[in-house]
Amino acid sequence: MSYAVFRDGDRISRPFQTEGDAWDCANDAGLVENVPSGGGSVQVLDGHCKIKSCDAEFVMPANLA
């Protein structure tokens, strides 16, 4: 299964092999925020963004990305 970053329903990243790789892409693009929670913080996506599964187009292997 492939995952990508979506904003307002439109895919804004290439597909990635793992959900974690898609999160890394979103973080690199500045779309991840740290929100205080309890004694620490949690990472959340910008309010308009989501990580979702997507069509299995070409996915670049992690060792080549």
Protein backbone atom coordinates (compact mmCIF):
# COMPACT_ATOMS: atom_id res chain seq x y z
CA MET A 1 0.00 0.00 0.00
CA SER A 2 1.22 3.52 -0.77
CA TYR A 3 0.69 6.68 1.25
CA ALA A 4 0.78 10.37 0.38
CA VAL A 5 0.11 13.78 1.87
CA PHE A 6 -3.26 15.28 0.93
CA ARG A 7 -4.45 18.86 1.42
CA ASP A 8 -8.15 19.63 1.12
CA GLY A 9 -8.64 16.31 -0.70
CA ASP A 10 -5.91 16.88 -3.30
CA ARG A 11 -2.71 14.85 -3.24
CA ILE A 12 0.25 17.19 -2.73
CA SER A 13 3.09 14.68 -2.45
CA ARG A 14 4.37 11.73 -4.37
CA PRO A 15 3.40 8.29 -3.06
CA PHE A 16 5.59 6.70 -0.39
CA GLN A 17 6.03 3.07 0.61
CA THR A 18 5.14 3.70 4.26
CA GLU A 19 2.93 6.05 6.22
CA GLY A 20 6.01 7.08 8.22
CA ASP A 21 7.78 8.21 5.04
CA ALA A 22 4.75 10.35 4.15
CA TRP A 23 4.90 11.91 7.66
CA ASP A 24 8.60 12.65 7.11
CA CYS A 25 7.73 14.39 3.83
CA ALA A 26 5.04 16.48 5.55
CA ASN A 27 7.48 17.38 8.34
CA ASP A 28 10.16 18.41 5.81
CA ALA A 29 7.54 20.63 4.11
CA GLY A 30 6.67 22.34 7.42
CA LEU A 31 3.19 20.82 7.63
CA VAL A 32 3.69 19.12 11.02
CA GLU A 33 3.06 21.01 14.26
CA ASN A 34 3.97 20.08 17.83
CA VAL A 35 0.91 20.45 20.08
CA PRO A 36 1.21 20.35 23.88
CA SER A 37 -0.43 17.27 25.36
CA GLY A 38 -0.26 16.17 28.97
CA GLY A 39 3.38 16.28 30.02
CA GLY A 40 4.79 16.48 26.50
CA SER A 41 3.68 17.17 22.98
CA VAL A 42 2.28 15.29 20.00
CA GLN A 43 2.86 15.90 16.32
CA VAL A 44 -0.18 16.74 14.22
CA LEU A 45 -0.63 17.74 10.61
CA ASP A 46 -1.70 21.20 9.56
CA GLY A 47 -5.50 21.42 9.85
CA HIS A 48 -6.05 21.04 6.11
CA CYS A 49 -3.71 18.07 5.61
CA LYS A 50 -4.03 14.31 6.02
CA ILE A 51 -1.90 11.26 5.36
CA LYS A 52 -3.97 8.77 3.37
CA SER A 53 -3.45 5.67 1.32
CA CYS A 54 -3.34 6.30 -2.40
CA ASP A 55 -3.17 4.52 -5.71
CA ALA A 56 -0.06 2.41 -6.07
CA GLU A 57 1.74 4.48 -8.65
CA PHE A 58 5.49 4.28 -8.90
CA VAL A 59 6.95 4.41 -5.41
CA MET A 60 10.65 5.19 -5.22
CA PRO A 61 12.45 2.69 -2.97
CA ALA A 62 13.56 4.24 0.32
CA ASN A 63 17.23 3.62 -0.44
CA LEU A 64 16.96 5.75 -3.61
CA ALA A 65 14.80 8.58 -2.24
